[in-house]
PDB file of N, CA and C in Angstrom:
ATOM      1  N   MET A   1       5.190   6.746  -7.093  1.00  0.00           N
ATOM      2  CA  MET A   1       6.548   7.217  -6.953  1.00  0.00           C
ATOM      3  C   MET A   1       6.961   7.277  -5.485  1.00  0.00           C
ATOM      4  N   ARG A   2       6.045   7.634  -4.597  1.00  0.00           N
ATOM      5  CA  ARG A   2       6.395   7.712  -3.171  1.00  0.00           C
ATOM      6  C   ARG A   2       6.788   6.341  -2.640  1.00  0.00           C
ATOM      7  N   HIS A   3       6.076   5.304  -3.052  1.00  0.00           N
ATOM      8  CA  HIS A   3       6.398   3.949  -2.595  1.00  0.00           C
ATOM      9  C   HIS A   3       7.804   3.569  -3.052  1.00  0.00           C
ATOM     10  N   SER A   4       8.110   3.830  -4.310  1.00  0.00           N
ATOM     11  CA  SER A   4       9.446   3.516  -4.841  1.00  0.00           C
ATOM     12  C   SER A   4      10.515   4.340  -4.146  1.00  0.00           C
ATOM     13  N   PHE A   5      10.267   5.628  -3.962  1.00  0.00           N
ATOM     14  CA  PHE A   5      11.202   6.524  -3.301  1.00  0.00           C
ATOM     15  C   PHE A   5      11.544   5.999  -1.909  1.00  0.00           C
ATOM     16  N   VAL A   6      10.510   5.700  -1.138  1.00  0.00           N
ATOM     17  CA  VAL A   6      10.715   5.205   0.226  1.00  0.00           C
ATOM     18  C   VAL A   6      11.420   3.853   0.208  1.00  0.00           C
ATOM     19  N   SER A   7      11.011   2.953  -0.664  1.00  0.00           N
ATOM     20  CA  SER A   7      11.586   1.614  -0.714  1.00  0.00           C
ATOM     21  C   SER A   7      13.048   1.628  -1.129  1.00  0.00           C
ATOM     22  N   VAL A   8      13.385   2.416  -2.137  1.00  0.00           N
ATOM     23  CA  VAL A   8      14.776   2.480  -2.602  1.00  0.00           C
ATOM     24  C   VAL A   8      15.673   3.098  -1.535  1.00  0.00           C
ATOM     25  N   LEU A   9      15.223   4.170  -0.900  1.00  0.00           N
ATOM     26  CA  LEU A   9      16.025   4.768   0.167  1.00  0.00           C
ATOM     27  C   LEU A   9      16.214   3.791   1.319  1.00  0.00           C
ATOM     28  N   SER A  10      15.163   3.088   1.698  1.00  0.00           N
ATOM     29  CA  SER A  10      15.249   2.115   2.778  1.00  0.00           C
ATOM     30  C   SER A  10      16.226   0.992   2.435  1.00  0.00           C
ATOM     31  N   ALA A  11      16.125   0.463   1.228  1.00  0.00           N
ATOM     32  CA  ALA A  11      17.022  -0.605   0.794  1.00  0.00           C
ATOM     33  C   ALA A  11      18.464  -0.128   0.711  1.00  0.00           C
ATOM     34  N   SER A  12      18.660   1.182   0.569  1.00  0.00           N
ATOM     35  CA  SER A  12      20.011   1.746   0.475  1.00  0.00           C
ATOM     36  C   SER A  12      20.576   2.123   1.839  1.00  0.00           C
ATOM     37  N   GLY A  13      19.825   1.867   2.899  1.00  0.00           N
ATOM     38  CA  GLY A  13      20.342   2.091   4.234  1.00  0.00           C
ATOM     39  C   GLY A  13      19.990   3.415   4.886  1.00  0.00           C
ATOM     40  N   VAL A  14      19.151   4.234   4.241  1.00  0.00           N
ATOM     41  CA  VAL A  14      18.728   5.496   4.845  1.00  0.00           C
ATOM     42  C   VAL A  14      17.793   5.156   6.002  1.00  0.00           C
ATOM     43  N   THR A  15      17.959   5.835   7.127  1.00  0.00           N
ATOM     44  CA  THR A  15      17.141   5.527   8.289  1.00  0.00           C
ATOM     45  C   THR A  15      15.679   5.860   8.034  1.00  0.00           C
ATOM     46  N   LEU A  16      14.809   5.111   8.683  1.00  0.00           N
ATOM     47  CA  LEU A  16      13.377   5.318   8.528  1.00  0.00           C
ATOM     48  C   LEU A  16      12.966   6.708   8.998  1.00  0.00           C
ATOM     49  N   GLU A  17      13.624   7.203  10.024  1.00  0.00           N
ATOM     50  CA  GLU A  17      13.331   8.547  10.524  1.00  0.00           C
ATOM     51  C   GLU A  17      13.629   9.607   9.466  1.00  0.00           C
ATOM     52  N   ASP A  18      14.772   9.471   8.796  1.00  0.00           N
ATOM     53  CA  ASP A  18      15.130  10.425   7.744  1.00  0.00           C
ATOM     54  C   ASP A  18      14.165  10.335   6.562  1.00  0.00           C
ATOM     55  N   ILE A  19      13.794   9.127   6.197  1.00  0.00           N
ATOM     56  CA  ILE A  19      12.861   8.948   5.085  1.00  0.00           C
ATOM     57  C   ILE A  19      11.508   9.572   5.430  1.00  0.00           C
ATOM     58  N   ALA A  20      11.032   9.327   6.644  1.00  0.00           N
ATOM     59  CA  ALA A  20       9.742   9.891   7.065  1.00  0.00           C
ATOM     60  C   ALA A  20       9.772  11.407   6.970  1.00  0.00           C
ATOM     61  N   ARG A  21      10.874  12.005   7.400  1.00  0.00           N
ATOM     62  CA  ARG A  21      10.996  13.462   7.306  1.00  0.00           C
ATOM     63  C   ARG A  21      10.968  13.919   5.853  1.00  0.00           C
ATOM     64  N   LEU A  22      11.664  13.200   4.981  1.00  0.00           N
ATOM     65  CA  LEU A  22      11.725  13.579   3.569  1.00  0.00           C
ATOM     66  C   LEU A  22      10.353  13.546   2.894  1.00  0.00           C
ATOM     67  N   VAL A  23       9.527  12.577   3.279  1.00  0.00           N
ATOM     68  CA  VAL A  23       8.209  12.462   2.639  1.00  0.00           C
ATOM     69  C   VAL A  23       7.117  13.199   3.407  1.00  0.00           C
ATOM     70  N   GLY A  24       7.491  13.863   4.499  1.00  0.00           N
ATOM     71  CA  GLY A  24       6.548  14.706   5.214  1.00  0.00           C
ATOM     72  C   GLY A  24       5.676  14.006   6.237  1.00  0.00           C
ATOM     73  N   HIS A  25       6.103  12.838   6.712  1.00  0.00           N
ATOM     74  CA  HIS A  25       5.337  12.133   7.737  1.00  0.00           C
ATOM     75  C   HIS A  25       5.820  12.571   9.116  1.00  0.00           C
ATOM     76  N   SER A  26       4.883  12.710  10.044  1.00  0.00           N
ATOM     77  CA  SER A  26       5.244  13.160  11.396  1.00  0.00           C
ATOM     78  C   SER A  26       5.819  12.038  12.248  1.00  0.00           C
ATOM     79  N   SER A  27       5.603  10.796  11.848  1.00  0.00           N
ATOM     80  CA  SER A  27       6.208   9.650  12.536  1.00  0.00           C
ATOM     81  C   SER A  27       6.590   8.611  11.481  1.00  0.00           C
ATOM     82  N   THR A  28       7.233   7.555  11.928  1.00  0.00           N
ATOM     83  CA  THR A  28       7.683   6.530  10.981  1.00  0.00           C
ATOM     84  C   THR A  28       6.629   5.458  10.706  1.00  0.00           C
ATOM     85  N   THR A  29       5.523   5.492  11.435  1.00  0.00           N
ATOM     86  CA  THR A  29       4.522   4.425  11.322  1.00  0.00           C
ATOM     87  C   THR A  29       3.955   4.301   9.911  1.00  0.00           C
ATOM     88  N   VAL A  30       3.475   5.383   9.348  1.00  0.00           N
ATOM     89  CA  VAL A  30       2.899   5.339   7.995  1.00  0.00           C
ATOM     90  C   VAL A  30       3.981   5.027   6.972  1.00  0.00           C
ATOM     91  N   THR A  31       5.140   5.615   7.160  1.00  0.00           N
ATOM     92  CA  THR A  31       6.253   5.370   6.236  1.00  0.00           C
ATOM     93  C   THR A  31       6.562   3.881   6.176  1.00  0.00           C
ATOM     94  N   GLU A  32       6.614   3.257   7.328  1.00  0.00           N
ATOM     95  CA  GLU A  32       6.994   1.846   7.405  1.00  0.00           C
ATOM     96  C   GLU A  32       5.867   0.912   6.970  1.00  0.00           C
ATOM     97  N   THR A  33       4.656   1.181   7.399  1.00  0.00           N
ATOM     98  CA  THR A  33       3.578   0.223   7.146  1.00  0.00           C
ATOM     99  C   THR A  33       2.886   0.403   5.797  1.00  0.00           C
ATOM    100  N   VAL A  34       2.915   1.597   5.248  1.00  0.00           N
ATOM    101  CA  VAL A  34       2.204   1.849   3.991  1.00  0.00           C
ATOM    102  C   VAL A  34       3.159   1.972   2.809  1.00  0.00           C
ATOM    103  N   TYR A  35       4.249   2.700   2.974  1.00  0.00           N
ATOM    104  CA  TYR A  35       5.090   3.061   1.831  1.00  0.00           C
ATOM    105  C   TYR A  35       6.323   2.199   1.626  1.00  0.00           C
ATOM    106  N   ARG A  36       6.851   1.619   2.685  1.00  0.00           N
ATOM    107  CA  ARG A  36       8.091   0.853   2.514  1.00  0.00           C
ATOM    108  C   ARG A  36       7.773  -0.571   2.104  1.00  0.00           C
ATOM    109  N   HIS A  37       8.379  -1.021   1.025  1.00  0.00           N
ATOM    110  CA  HIS A  37       8.210  -2.377   0.518  1.00  0.00           C
ATOM    111  C   HIS A  37       9.583  -3.001   0.356  1.00  0.00           C
ATOM    112  N   GLN A  38       9.650  -4.294   0.504  1.00  0.00           N
ATOM    113  CA  GLN A  38      10.904  -5.005   0.303  1.00  0.00           C
ATOM    114  C   GLN A  38      11.091  -5.218  -1.194  1.00  0.00           C
ATOM    115  N   ILE A  39      11.986  -4.449  -1.796  1.00  0.00           N
ATOM    116  CA  ILE A  39      12.127  -4.515  -3.253  1.00  0.00           C
ATOM    117  C   ILE A  39      13.215  -5.470  -3.709  1.00  0.00           C
ATOM    118  N   VAL A  40      14.158  -5.799  -2.841  1.00  0.00           N
ATOM    119  CA  VAL A  40      15.261  -6.661  -3.263  1.00  0.00           C
ATOM    120  C   VAL A  40      14.761  -8.043  -3.682  1.00  0.00           C
ATOM    121  N   PRO A  41      13.905  -8.724  -2.886  1.00  0.00           N
ATOM    122  CA  PRO A  41      13.423 -10.028  -3.358  1.00  0.00           C
ATOM    123  C   PRO A  41      12.664  -9.947  -4.680  1.00  0.00           C
ATOM    124  N   VAL A  42      11.902  -8.888  -4.871  1.00  0.00           N
ATOM    125  CA  VAL A  42      11.160  -8.717  -6.124  1.00  0.00           C
ATOM    126  C   VAL A  42      12.125  -8.522  -7.277  1.00  0.00           C
ATOM    127  N   MET A  43      13.149  -7.702  -7.062  1.00  0.00           N
ATOM    128  CA  MET A  43      14.135  -7.463  -8.114  1.00  0.00           C
ATOM    129  C   MET A  43      14.900  -8.737  -8.440  1.00  0.00           C
ATOM    130  N   GLN A  44      15.236  -9.517  -7.414  1.00  0.00           N
ATOM    131  CA  GLN A  44      15.959 -10.762  -7.646  1.00  0.00           C
ATOM    132  C   GLN A  44      15.099 -11.741  -8.437  1.00  0.00           C
ATOM    133  N   HIS A  45      13.828 -11.839  -8.080  1.00  0.00           N
ATOM    134  CA  HIS A  45      12.913 -12.732  -8.800  1.00  0.00           C
ATOM    135  C   HIS A  45      12.788 -12.290 -10.263  1.00  0.00           C
ATOM    136  N   ALA A  46      12.670 -10.986 -10.477  1.00  0.00           N
ATOM    137  CA  ALA A  46      12.560 -10.475 -11.844  1.00  0.00           C
ATOM    138  C   ALA A  46      13.828 -10.771 -12.644  1.00  0.00           C
ATOM    139  N   ALA A  47      14.988 -10.618 -12.024  1.00  0.00           N
ATOM    140  CA  ALA A  47      16.251 -10.885 -12.720  1.00  0.00           C
ATOM    141  C   ALA A  47      16.377 -12.367 -13.077  1.00  0.00           C
ATOM    142  N   ILE A  48      15.986 -13.230 -12.172  1.00  0.00           N
ATOM    143  CA  ILE A  48      16.030 -14.673 -12.452  1.00  0.00           C
ATOM    144  C   ILE A  48      15.080 -15.017 -13.595  1.00  0.00           C
ATOM    145  N   THR A  49      13.896 -14.442 -13.565  1.00  0.00           N
ATOM    146  CA  THR A  49      12.917 -14.685 -14.630  1.00  0.00           C
ATOM    147  C   THR A  49      13.448 -14.210 -15.976  1.00  0.00           C
ATOM    148  N   MET A  50      14.048 -13.018 -16.004  1.00  0.00           N
ATOM    149  CA  MET A  50      14.614 -12.503 -17.264  1.00  0.00           C
ATOM    150  C   MET A  50      15.738 -13.412 -17.756  1.00  0.00           C
ATOM    151  N   ASN A  51      16.562 -13.925 -16.849  1.00  0.00           N
ATOM    152  CA  ASN A  51      17.623 -14.852 -17.254  1.00  0.00           C
ATOM    153  C   ASN A  51      17.046 -16.140 -17.827  1.00  0.00           C
ATOM    154  N   ASP A  52      15.924 -16.588 -17.290  1.00  0.00           N
ATOM    155  CA  ASP A  52      15.269 -17.785 -17.818  1.00  0.00           C
ATOM    156  C   ASP A  52      14.694 -17.522 -19.204  1.00  0.00           C
ATOM    157  N   ILE A  53      14.133 -16.335 -19.407  1.00  0.00           N
ATOM    158  CA  ILE A  53      13.531 -15.987 -20.695  1.00  0.00           C
ATOM    159  C   ILE A  53      14.607 -15.765 -21.745  1.00  0.00           C
ATOM    160  N   PHE A  54      15.679 -15.071 -21.365  1.00  0.00           N
ATOM    161  CA  PHE A  54      16.764 -14.723 -22.292  1.00  0.00           C
ATOM    162  C   PHE A  54      18.081 -15.301 -21.785  1.00  0.00           C
ATOM    163  N   PRO A  55      18.282 -16.603 -21.930  1.00  0.00           N
ATOM    164  CA  PRO A  55      19.528 -17.213 -21.432  1.00  0.00           C
ATOM    165  C   PRO A  55      20.738 -16.688 -22.214  1.00  0.00           C
ATOM    166  N   SER A  56      21.864 -16.673 -21.544  1.00  0.00           N
ATOM    167  CA  SER A  56      23.073 -16.166 -22.207  1.00  0.00           C
ATOM    168  C   SER A  56      23.469 -17.116 -23.338  1.00  0.00           C
ATOM    169  N   ALA A  57      24.149 -16.570 -24.309  1.00  0.00           N
ATOM    170  CA  ALA A  57      24.524 -17.326 -25.508  1.00  0.00           C
ATOM    171  C   ALA A  57      25.810 -18.115 -25.307  1.00  0.00           C
ATOM    172  N   SER A  58      26.400 -18.107 -24.128  1.00  0.00           N
ATOM    173  CA  SER A  58      27.692 -18.779 -23.940  1.00  0.00           C
ATOM    174  C   SER A  58      27.581 -20.249 -23.771  1.00  0.00           C
TER     175      SER A  58
END
Protein backbone atom coordinates (compact mmCIF):
# COMPACT_ATOMS: atom_id res chain seq x y z
CA MET A 1 0.00 0.00 0.00
CA ARG A 2 2.86 2.42 0.73
CA HIS A 3 4.25 1.96 -2.79
CA SER A 4 0.84 2.66 -4.33
CA PHE A 5 0.21 5.61 -2.00
CA VAL A 6 3.53 7.22 -2.88
CA SER A 7 3.21 6.46 -6.60
CA VAL A 8 -0.34 7.78 -6.95
CA LEU A 9 0.46 10.99 -5.06
CA SER A 10 3.59 11.50 -7.16
CA ALA A 11 1.71 10.93 -10.42
CA SER A 12 -0.90 13.44 -9.21
CA GLY A 13 1.69 16.17 -8.79
CA VAL A 14 2.25 16.13 -5.01
CA THR A 15 5.81 17.19 -4.27
CA LEU A 16 8.28 14.53 -3.20
CA GLU A 17 9.01 16.49 -0.03
CA ASP A 18 5.34 16.44 0.98
CA ILE A 19 5.03 12.74 0.20
CA ALA A 20 8.15 11.93 2.23
CA ARG A 21 6.68 13.80 5.19
CA LEU A 22 3.37 11.96 4.85
CA VAL A 23 5.02 8.54 4.92
CA GLY A 24 7.40 9.47 7.73
CA HIS A 25 10.70 9.63 5.85
CA SER A 26 13.29 12.14 7.05
CA SER A 27 14.49 12.80 3.49
CA THR A 28 13.22 12.19 -0.03
CA THR A 29 15.89 9.62 -0.94
CA VAL A 30 14.07 6.50 0.27
CA THR A 31 10.73 7.84 -0.91
CA GLU A 32 12.08 8.35 -4.41
CA THR A 33 14.32 5.32 -4.82
CA VAL A 34 12.30 2.65 -3.00
CA TYR A 35 8.64 3.65 -2.94
CA ARG A 36 7.94 5.80 -5.98
CA HIS A 37 7.17 3.89 -9.17
CA GLN A 38 6.08 5.15 -12.55
CA ILE A 39 2.51 3.87 -12.69
CA VAL A 40 1.19 5.69 -15.76
CA PRO A 41 3.06 3.54 -18.32
CA VAL A 42 1.95 0.39 -16.49
CA MET A 43 -1.65 1.58 -16.41
CA GLN A 44 -1.53 2.48 -20.09
CA HIS A 45 -0.11 -0.93 -21.00
CA ALA A 46 -2.80 -2.64 -18.93
CA ALA A 47 -5.56 -0.58 -20.59
CA ILE A 48 -4.26 -1.41 -24.07
CA THR A 49 -4.08 -5.10 -23.16
CA MET A 50 -7.65 -5.06 -21.82
CA ASN A 51 -8.83 -3.37 -25.03
CA ASP A 52 -7.12 -6.10 -27.04
CA ILE A 53 -8.75 -8.83 -24.93
CA PHE A 54 -12.20 -7.20 -24.90
CA PRO A 55 -12.55 -5.17 -28.12
CA SER A 56 -15.51 -2.83 -28.36
CA ALA A 57 -18.60 -4.14 -30.11
CA SER A 58 -18.90 -1.13 -32.45
